[in-house]
Each structure stands twice: as C-alpha cells, then as structure tokens.
Amino acid sequence: MHDCSSWQEGHDRIYLIELSNFKANLAQSDKVAKTLSGDKLTAYLTEQNQKNADYAQKKWQTMNNSLIVHSNKLAPVTKSKLTFNK
C-alpha cells in the first residue's frame, strides 16, 4: 500500500516553501509599489497581480494533479463488468 503520511508530509513542506516564496514576492512588490504613483503604480500593480494569479494557478494545477495521482494509487480505478438480473 502507498504511504499516505510521507506523501502528505512532503506536500506540506512544499506548500510551506511555496507560501514563504509567495510572501517574499508580495513584500518585494509592496516595496517597489511604494516608490510609484499614478499610471506607473497602476501598471505595476496590474502586472504583479497577473504574475501572482498565473503563479497561483500553476501551483494549484500542480498540487491538484499530484493529489489525483496519489488518490489513484490509494484506490485505483478499476473496470467493472455490469451484470443484470434476468
């Protein structure tokens, strides 16, 4: 049987690392944003928002795919033969 606890621990570590990286990126973005105003600020925040949305979407897809693969290892999808009572 597949080891669920080690898989979960590994993903917990990855999540914490990614969260830390994301927070650091937000802090850097905030620092830069404080130096801008007007249209430059709007353009910068729009760009950063799109980058963050793309990053989050990519990470979500990666983690979701991993969850599906892991779930299939725990309970493989099998073909079943339908039978009908006569």
PDB file of N, CA and C in Angstrom:
ATOM      1  N   MET A   1       0.846  -1.189   0.000  1.00  0.00           N
ATOM      2  CA  MET A   1       0.000   0.000   0.000  1.00  0.00           C
ATOM      3  C   MET A   1       0.888   1.249   0.000  1.00  0.00           C
ATOM      4  N   HIS A   2       0.402   2.287  -0.614  1.00  0.00           N
ATOM      5  CA  HIS A   2       1.126   3.548  -0.741  1.00  0.00           C
ATOM      6  C   HIS A   2       1.172   4.267   0.610  1.00  0.00           C
ATOM      7  N   ASP A   3       2.300   4.868   0.953  1.00  0.00           N
ATOM      8  CA  ASP A   3       2.470   5.553   2.234  1.00  0.00           C
ATOM      9  C   ASP A   3       1.882   6.955   2.169  1.00  0.00           C
ATOM     10  N   CYS A   4       0.721   7.120   2.759  1.00  0.00           N
ATOM     11  CA  CYS A   4      -0.006   8.395   2.711  1.00  0.00           C
ATOM     12  C   CYS A   4       0.656   9.459   3.579  1.00  0.00           C
ATOM     13  N   SER A   5       1.174   9.079   4.738  1.00  0.00           N
ATOM     14  CA  SER A   5       1.732  10.079   5.662  1.00  0.00           C
ATOM     15  C   SER A   5       2.987  10.731   5.098  1.00  0.00           C
ATOM     16  N   SER A   6       3.869   9.979   4.453  1.00  0.00           N
ATOM     17  CA  SER A   6       5.078  10.589   3.903  1.00  0.00           C
ATOM     18  C   SER A   6       4.733  11.474   2.709  1.00  0.00           C
ATOM     19  N   TRP A   7       3.737  11.061   1.919  1.00  0.00           N
ATOM     20  CA  TRP A   7       3.289  11.896   0.805  1.00  0.00           C
ATOM     21  C   TRP A   7       2.748  13.218   1.328  1.00  0.00           C
ATOM     22  N   GLN A   8       1.916  13.153   2.364  1.00  0.00           N
ATOM     23  CA  GLN A   8       1.319  14.355   2.947  1.00  0.00           C
ATOM     24  C   GLN A   8       2.394  15.256   3.541  1.00  0.00           C
ATOM     25  N   GLU A   9       3.341  14.686   4.262  1.00  0.00           N
ATOM     26  CA  GLU A   9       4.419  15.480   4.852  1.00  0.00           C
ATOM     27  C   GLU A   9       5.234  16.186   3.768  1.00  0.00           C
ATOM     28  N   GLY A  10       5.507  15.496   2.690  1.00  0.00           N
ATOM     29  CA  GLY A  10       6.248  16.090   1.583  1.00  0.00           C
ATOM     30  C   GLY A  10       5.491  17.256   0.979  1.00  0.00           C
ATOM     31  N   HIS A  11       4.200  17.092   0.790  1.00  0.00           N
ATOM     32  CA  HIS A  11       3.396  18.167   0.222  1.00  0.00           C
ATOM     33  C   HIS A  11       3.221  19.322   1.208  1.00  0.00           C
ATOM     34  N   ASP A  12       3.168  19.020   2.492  1.00  0.00           N
ATOM     35  CA  ASP A  12       3.107  20.089   3.499  1.00  0.00           C
ATOM     36  C   ASP A  12       4.366  20.945   3.439  1.00  0.00           C
ATOM     37  N   ARG A  13       5.522  20.301   3.295  1.00  0.00           N
ATOM     38  CA  ARG A  13       6.792  21.043   3.195  1.00  0.00           C
ATOM     39  C   ARG A  13       6.826  21.899   1.933  1.00  0.00           C
ATOM     40  N   ILE A  14       6.402  21.309   0.825  1.00  0.00           N
ATOM     41  CA  ILE A  14       6.375  22.057  -0.435  1.00  0.00           C
ATOM     42  C   ILE A  14       5.446  23.261  -0.303  1.00  0.00           C
ATOM     43  N   TYR A  15       4.283  23.054   0.293  1.00  0.00           N
ATOM     44  CA  TYR A  15       3.324  24.149   0.472  1.00  0.00           C
ATOM     45  C   TYR A  15       3.931  25.272   1.301  1.00  0.00           C
ATOM     46  N   LEU A  16       4.592  24.931   2.398  1.00  0.00           N
ATOM     47  CA  LEU A  16       5.187  25.956   3.262  1.00  0.00           C
ATOM     48  C   LEU A  16       6.301  26.717   2.550  1.00  0.00           C
ATOM     49  N   ILE A  17       7.090  26.014   1.752  1.00  0.00           N
ATOM     50  CA  ILE A  17       8.153  26.679   0.981  1.00  0.00           C
ATOM     51  C   ILE A  17       7.537  27.623  -0.045  1.00  0.00           C
ATOM     52  N   GLU A  18       6.534  27.154  -0.772  1.00  0.00           N
ATOM     53  CA  GLU A  18       5.876  27.991  -1.780  1.00  0.00           C
ATOM     54  C   GLU A  18       5.199  29.192  -1.140  1.00  0.00           C
ATOM     55  N   LEU A  19       4.576  28.990   0.007  1.00  0.00           N
ATOM     56  CA  LEU A  19       3.931  30.098   0.714  1.00  0.00           C
ATOM     57  C   LEU A  19       4.954  31.142   1.141  1.00  0.00           C
ATOM     58  N   SER A  20       6.084  30.687   1.637  1.00  0.00           N
ATOM     59  CA  SER A  20       7.159  31.593   2.034  1.00  0.00           C
ATOM     60  C   SER A  20       7.669  32.391   0.836  1.00  0.00           C
ATOM     61  N   ASN A  21       7.869  31.716  -0.292  1.00  0.00           N
ATOM     62  CA  ASN A  21       8.316  32.387  -1.517  1.00  0.00           C
ATOM     63  C   ASN A  21       7.291  33.412  -1.982  1.00  0.00           C
ATOM     64  N   PHE A  22       6.025  33.051  -1.919  1.00  0.00           N
ATOM     65  CA  PHE A  22       4.953  33.944  -2.351  1.00  0.00           C
ATOM     66  C   PHE A  22       4.902  35.189  -1.460  1.00  0.00           C
ATOM     67  N   LYS A  23       5.015  34.996  -0.154  1.00  0.00           N
ATOM     68  CA  LYS A  23       5.007  36.134   0.783  1.00  0.00           C
ATOM     69  C   LYS A  23       6.201  37.051   0.540  1.00  0.00           C
ATOM     70  N   ALA A  24       7.362  36.467   0.256  1.00  0.00           N
ATOM     71  CA  ALA A  24       8.549  37.273  -0.028  1.00  0.00           C
ATOM     72  C   ALA A  24       8.339  38.092  -1.305  1.00  0.00           C
ATOM     73  N   ASN A  25       7.722  37.480  -2.314  1.00  0.00           N
ATOM     74  CA  ASN A  25       7.436  38.193  -3.553  1.00  0.00           C
ATOM     75  C   ASN A  25       6.463  39.348  -3.306  1.00  0.00           C
ATOM     76  N   LEU A  26       5.439  39.106  -2.500  1.00  0.00           N
ATOM     77  CA  LEU A  26       4.488  40.166  -2.177  1.00  0.00           C
ATOM     78  C   LEU A  26       5.165  41.315  -1.428  1.00  0.00           C
ATOM     79  N   ALA A  27       6.045  40.986  -0.506  1.00  0.00           N
ATOM     80  CA  ALA A  27       6.762  42.019   0.244  1.00  0.00           C
ATOM     81  C   ALA A  27       7.626  42.862  -0.693  1.00  0.00           C
ATOM     82  N   GLN A  28       8.297  42.204  -1.631  1.00  0.00           N
ATOM     83  CA  GLN A  28       9.123  42.929  -2.607  1.00  0.00           C
ATOM     84  C   GLN A  28       8.253  43.802  -3.499  1.00  0.00           C
ATOM     85  N   SER A  29       7.119  43.283  -3.927  1.00  0.00           N
ATOM     86  CA  SER A  29       6.196  44.056  -4.763  1.00  0.00           C
ATOM     87  C   SER A  29       5.687  45.282  -4.018  1.00  0.00           C
ATOM     88  N   ASP A  30       5.362  45.107  -2.742  1.00  0.00           N
ATOM     89  CA  ASP A  30       4.892  46.232  -1.926  1.00  0.00           C
ATOM     90  C   ASP A  30       5.969  47.301  -1.807  1.00  0.00           C
ATOM     91  N   LYS A  31       7.197  46.841  -1.641  1.00  0.00           N
ATOM     92  CA  LYS A  31       8.321  47.775  -1.508  1.00  0.00           C
ATOM     93  C   LYS A  31       8.464  48.624  -2.781  1.00  0.00           C
ATOM     94  N   VAL A  32       8.399  47.975  -3.921  1.00  0.00           N
ATOM     95  CA  VAL A  32       8.507  48.689  -5.201  1.00  0.00           C
ATOM     96  C   VAL A  32       7.303  49.607  -5.389  1.00  0.00           C
ATOM     97  N   ALA A  33       6.113  49.117  -5.075  1.00  0.00           N
ATOM     98  CA  ALA A  33       4.884  49.900  -5.265  1.00  0.00           C
ATOM     99  C   ALA A  33       4.919  51.210  -4.477  1.00  0.00           C
ATOM    100  N   LYS A  34       5.545  51.207  -3.328  1.00  0.00           N
ATOM    101  CA  LYS A  34       5.621  52.418  -2.501  1.00  0.00           C
ATOM    102  C   LYS A  34       6.433  53.522  -3.164  1.00  0.00           C
ATOM    103  N   THR A  35       7.240  53.163  -4.162  1.00  0.00           N
ATOM    104  CA  THR A  35       8.063  54.159  -4.850  1.00  0.00           C
ATOM    105  C   THR A  35       7.366  54.708  -6.099  1.00  0.00           C
ATOM    106  N   LEU A  36       6.183  54.179  -6.428  1.00  0.00           N
ATOM    107  CA  LEU A  36       5.486  54.570  -7.645  1.00  0.00           C
ATOM    108  C   LEU A  36       4.199  55.315  -7.338  1.00  0.00           C
ATOM    109  N   SER A  37       3.674  55.986  -8.349  1.00  0.00           N
ATOM    110  CA  SER A  37       2.380  56.657  -8.210  1.00  0.00           C
ATOM    111  C   SER A  37       1.718  56.770  -9.574  1.00  0.00           C
ATOM    112  N   GLY A  38       0.455  57.119  -9.556  1.00  0.00           N
ATOM    113  CA  GLY A  38      -0.292  57.361 -10.791  1.00  0.00           C
ATOM    114  C   GLY A  38      -0.331  56.162 -11.712  1.00  0.00           C
ATOM    115  N   ASP A  39      -0.144  56.446 -13.013  1.00  0.00           N
ATOM    116  CA  ASP A  39      -0.233  55.403 -14.037  1.00  0.00           C
ATOM    117  C   ASP A  39       0.852  54.337 -13.875  1.00  0.00           C
ATOM    118  N   LYS A  40       2.030  54.744 -13.417  1.00  0.00           N
ATOM    119  CA  LYS A  40       3.107  53.765 -13.222  1.00  0.00           C
ATOM    120  C   LYS A  40       2.742  52.771 -12.120  1.00  0.00           C
ATOM    121  N   LEU A  41       2.136  53.281 -11.067  1.00  0.00           N
ATOM    122  CA  LEU A  41       1.700  52.411  -9.973  1.00  0.00           C
ATOM    123  C   LEU A  41       0.603  51.459 -10.464  1.00  0.00           C
ATOM    124  N   THR A  42      -0.358  51.996 -11.191  1.00  0.00           N
ATOM    125  CA  THR A  42      -1.448  51.173 -11.716  1.00  0.00           C
ATOM    126  C   THR A  42      -0.911  50.071 -12.621  1.00  0.00           C
ATOM    127  N   ALA A  43      -0.010  50.437 -13.532  1.00  0.00           N
ATOM    128  CA  ALA A  43       0.568  49.444 -14.452  1.00  0.00           C
ATOM    129  C   ALA A  43       1.354  48.393 -13.687  1.00  0.00           C
ATOM    130  N   TYR A  44       2.138  48.818 -12.713  1.00  0.00           N
ATOM    131  CA  TYR A  44       2.955  47.877 -11.931  1.00  0.00           C
ATOM    132  C   TYR A  44       2.065  46.904 -11.155  1.00  0.00           C
ATOM    133  N   LEU A  45       1.044  47.432 -10.481  1.00  0.00           N
ATOM    134  CA  LEU A  45       0.165  46.569  -9.690  1.00  0.00           C
ATOM    135  C   LEU A  45      -0.625  45.614 -10.583  1.00  0.00           C
ATOM    136  N   THR A  46      -1.023  46.072 -11.751  1.00  0.00           N
ATOM    137  CA  THR A  46      -1.721  45.202 -12.697  1.00  0.00           C
ATOM    138  C   THR A  46      -0.805  44.068 -13.139  1.00  0.00           C
ATOM    139  N   GLU A  47       0.433  44.398 -13.452  1.00  0.00           N
ATOM    140  CA  GLU A  47       1.413  43.391 -13.866  1.00  0.00           C
ATOM    141  C   GLU A  47       1.677  42.390 -12.746  1.00  0.00           C
ATOM    142  N   GLN A  48       1.880  42.885 -11.546  1.00  0.00           N
ATOM    143  CA  GLN A  48       2.150  41.996 -10.412  1.00  0.00           C
ATOM    144  C   GLN A  48       0.953  41.116 -10.099  1.00  0.00           C
ATOM    145  N   ASN A  49      -0.241  41.684 -10.208  1.00  0.00           N
ATOM    146  CA  ASN A  49      -1.449  40.905  -9.958  1.00  0.00           C
ATOM    147  C   ASN A  49      -1.545  39.741 -10.942  1.00  0.00           C
ATOM    148  N   GLN A  50      -1.263  40.002 -12.214  1.00  0.00           N
ATOM    149  CA  GLN A  50      -1.330  38.940 -13.226  1.00  0.00           C
ATOM    150  C   GLN A  50      -0.263  37.881 -12.967  1.00  0.00           C
ATOM    151  N   LYS A  51       0.945  38.321 -12.618  1.00  0.00           N
ATOM    152  CA  LYS A  51       2.016  37.357 -12.313  1.00  0.00           C
ATOM    153  C   LYS A  51       1.627  36.474 -11.129  1.00  0.00           C
ATOM    154  N   ASN A  52       1.075  37.087 -10.088  1.00  0.00           N
ATOM    155  CA  ASN A  52       0.678  36.318  -8.907  1.00  0.00           C
ATOM    156  C   ASN A  52      -0.464  35.356  -9.224  1.00  0.00           C
ATOM    157  N   ALA A  53      -1.425  35.799 -10.024  1.00  0.00           N
ATOM    158  CA  ALA A  53      -2.543  34.926 -10.417  1.00  0.00           C
ATOM    159  C   ALA A  53      -2.035  33.746 -11.246  1.00  0.00           C
ATOM    160  N   ASP A  54      -1.130  34.015 -12.191  1.00  0.00           N
ATOM    161  CA  ASP A  54      -0.562  32.940 -13.014  1.00  0.00           C
ATOM    162  C   ASP A  54       0.220  31.955 -12.157  1.00  0.00           C
ATOM    163  N   TYR A  55       1.005  32.476 -11.224  1.00  0.00           N
ATOM    164  CA  TYR A  55       1.806  31.634 -10.328  1.00  0.00           C
ATOM    165  C   TYR A  55       0.894  30.741  -9.485  1.00  0.00           C
ATOM    166  N   ALA A  56      -0.132  31.346  -8.885  1.00  0.00           N
ATOM    167  CA  ALA A  56      -1.043  30.580  -8.030  1.00  0.00           C
ATOM    168  C   ALA A  56      -1.780  29.508  -8.839  1.00  0.00           C
ATOM    169  N   GLN A  57      -2.208  29.856 -10.048  1.00  0.00           N
ATOM    170  CA  GLN A  57      -2.906  28.888 -10.897  1.00  0.00           C
ATOM    171  C   GLN A  57      -2.001  27.710 -11.249  1.00  0.00           C
ATOM    172  N   LYS A  58      -0.755  28.001 -11.602  1.00  0.00           N
ATOM    173  CA  LYS A  58       0.194  26.943 -11.958  1.00  0.00           C
ATOM    174  C   LYS A  58       0.449  26.020 -10.756  1.00  0.00           C
ATOM    175  N   LYS A  59       0.657  26.611  -9.586  1.00  0.00           N
ATOM    176  CA  LYS A  59       0.911  25.796  -8.389  1.00  0.00           C
ATOM    177  C   LYS A  59      -0.312  24.973  -8.019  1.00  0.00           C
ATOM    178  N   TRP A  60      -1.510  25.563  -8.153  1.00  0.00           N
ATOM    179  CA  TRP A  60      -2.734  24.843  -7.832  1.00  0.00           C
ATOM    180  C   TRP A  60      -2.879  23.638  -8.760  1.00  0.00           C
ATOM    181  N   GLN A  61      -2.638  23.844 -10.049  1.00  0.00           N
ATOM    182  CA  GLN A  61      -2.746  22.744 -11.005  1.00  0.00           C
ATOM    183  C   GLN A  61      -1.752  21.628 -10.686  1.00  0.00           C
ATOM    184  N   THR A  62      -0.534  22.007 -10.331  1.00  0.00           N
ATOM    185  CA  THR A  62       0.486  21.014 -10.000  1.00  0.00           C
ATOM    186  C   THR A  62       0.081  20.208  -8.769  1.00  0.00           C
ATOM    187  N   MET A  63      -0.377  20.896  -7.735  1.00  0.00           N
ATOM    188  CA  MET A  63      -0.769  20.197  -6.500  1.00  0.00           C
ATOM    189  C   MET A  63      -2.022  19.356  -6.728  1.00  0.00           C
ATOM    190  N   ASN A  64      -2.968  19.868  -7.505  1.00  0.00           N
ATOM    191  CA  ASN A  64      -4.185  19.121  -7.780  1.00  0.00           C
ATOM    192  C   ASN A  64      -3.877  17.855  -8.578  1.00  0.00           C
ATOM    193  N   ASN A  65      -3.001  17.974  -9.573  1.00  0.00           N
ATOM    194  CA  ASN A  65      -2.598  16.790 -10.346  1.00  0.00           C
ATOM    195  C   ASN A  65      -1.934  15.756  -9.452  1.00  0.00           C
ATOM    196  N   SER A  66      -1.089  16.207  -8.549  1.00  0.00           N
ATOM    197  CA  SER A  66      -0.416  15.297  -7.627  1.00  0.00           C
ATOM    198  C   SER A  66      -1.428  14.593  -6.721  1.00  0.00           C
ATOM    199  N   LEU A  67      -2.422  15.335  -6.275  1.00  0.00           N
ATOM    200  CA  LEU A  67      -3.455  14.748  -5.421  1.00  0.00           C
ATOM    201  C   LEU A  67      -4.220  13.661  -6.175  1.00  0.00           C
ATOM    202  N   ILE A  68      -4.547  13.918  -7.429  1.00  0.00           N
ATOM    203  CA  ILE A  68      -5.268  12.926  -8.229  1.00  0.00           C
ATOM    204  C   ILE A  68      -4.426  11.667  -8.419  1.00  0.00           C
ATOM    205  N   VAL A  69      -3.164  11.845  -8.769  1.00  0.00           N
ATOM    206  CA  VAL A  69      -2.270  10.695  -8.955  1.00  0.00           C
ATOM    207  C   VAL A  69      -2.157   9.911  -7.654  1.00  0.00           C
ATOM    208  N   HIS A  70      -1.961  10.613  -6.539  1.00  0.00           N
ATOM    209  CA  HIS A  70      -1.834   9.935  -5.244  1.00  0.00           C
ATOM    210  C   HIS A  70      -3.128   9.206  -4.880  1.00  0.00           C
ATOM    211  N   SER A  71      -4.266   9.835  -5.119  1.00  0.00           N
ATOM    212  CA  SER A  71      -5.549   9.197  -4.809  1.00  0.00           C
ATOM    213  C   SER A  71      -5.735   7.921  -5.611  1.00  0.00           C
ATOM    214  N   ASN A  72      -5.304   7.954  -6.866  1.00  0.00           N
ATOM    215  CA  ASN A  72      -5.413   6.750  -7.694  1.00  0.00           C
ATOM    216  C   ASN A  72      -4.518   5.625  -7.192  1.00  0.00           C
ATOM    217  N   LYS A  73      -3.396   5.973  -6.579  1.00  0.00           N
ATOM    218  CA  LYS A  73      -2.526   4.942  -6.009  1.00  0.00           C
ATOM    219  C   LYS A  73      -3.168   4.308  -4.779  1.00  0.00           C
ATOM    220  N   LEU A  74      -3.938   5.113  -4.041  1.00  0.00           N
ATOM    221  CA  LEU A  74      -4.602   4.585  -2.850  1.00  0.00           C
ATOM    222  C   LEU A  74      -5.816   3.732  -3.212  1.00  0.00           C
ATOM    223  N   ALA A  75      -6.533   4.150  -4.228  1.00  0.00           N
ATOM    224  CA  ALA A  75      -7.732   3.427  -4.648  1.00  0.00           C
ATOM    225  C   ALA A  75      -7.789   3.446  -6.171  1.00  0.00           C
ATOM    226  N   PRO A  76      -7.058   2.528  -6.803  1.00  0.00           N
ATOM    227  CA  PRO A  76      -7.002   2.525  -8.268  1.00  0.00           C
ATOM    228  C   PRO A  76      -8.385   2.401  -8.904  1.00  0.00           C
ATOM    229  N   VAL A  77      -8.535   3.088  -9.999  1.00  0.00           N
ATOM    230  CA  VAL A  77      -9.765   2.977 -10.766  1.00  0.00           C
ATOM    231  C   VAL A  77      -9.718   1.642 -11.499  1.00  0.00           C
ATOM    232  N   THR A  78     -10.768   0.882 -11.338  1.00  0.00           N
ATOM    233  CA  THR A  78     -10.808  -0.423 -11.991  1.00  0.00           C
ATOM    234  C   THR A  78     -12.047  -0.516 -12.861  1.00  0.00           C
ATOM    235  N   LYS A  79     -11.958  -1.349 -13.874  1.00  0.00           N
ATOM    236  CA  LYS A  79     -13.114  -1.596 -14.719  1.00  0.00           C
ATOM    237  C   LYS A  79     -13.983  -2.622 -14.027  1.00  0.00           C
ATOM    238  N   SER A  80     -15.270  -2.396 -14.093  1.00  0.00           N
ATOM    239  CA  SER A  80     -16.174  -3.392 -13.530  1.00  0.00           C
ATOM    240  C   SER A  80     -17.123  -3.860 -14.626  1.00  0.00           C
ATOM    241  N   LYS A  81     -17.489  -5.084 -14.524  1.00  0.00           N
ATOM    242  CA  LYS A  81     -18.391  -5.659 -15.516  1.00  0.00           C
ATOM    243  C   LYS A  81     -19.809  -5.523 -14.997  1.00  0.00           C
ATOM    244  N   LEU A  82     -20.640  -4.886 -15.805  1.00  0.00           N
ATOM    245  CA  LEU A  82     -22.041  -4.744 -15.399  1.00  0.00           C
ATOM    246  C   LEU A  82     -22.780  -6.049 -15.610  1.00  0.00           C
ATOM    247  N   THR A  83     -23.567  -6.402 -14.649  1.00  0.00           N
ATOM    248  CA  THR A  83     -24.399  -7.593 -14.790  1.00  0.00           C
ATOM    249  C   THR A  83     -25.840  -7.197 -14.487  1.00  0.00           C
ATOM    250  N   PHE A  84     -26.751  -7.827 -15.145  1.00  0.00           N
ATOM    251  CA  PHE A  84     -28.160  -7.532 -14.958  1.00  0.00           C
ATOM    252  C   PHE A  84     -28.888  -8.789 -14.555  1.00  0.00           C
ATOM    253  N   ASN A  85     -29.778  -8.647 -13.601  1.00  0.00           N
ATOM    254  CA  ASN A  85     -30.602  -9.790 -13.209  1.00  0.00           C
ATOM    255  C   ASN A  85     -31.683  -9.997 -14.256  1.00  0.00           C
ATOM    256  N   LYS A  86     -31.912 -11.236 -14.598  1.00  0.00           N
ATOM    257  CA  LYS A  86     -32.953 -11.547 -15.608  1.00  0.00           C
ATOM    258  C   LYS A  86     -34.227 -11.911 -14.924  1.00  0.00           C
TER     259      LYS A  86
END
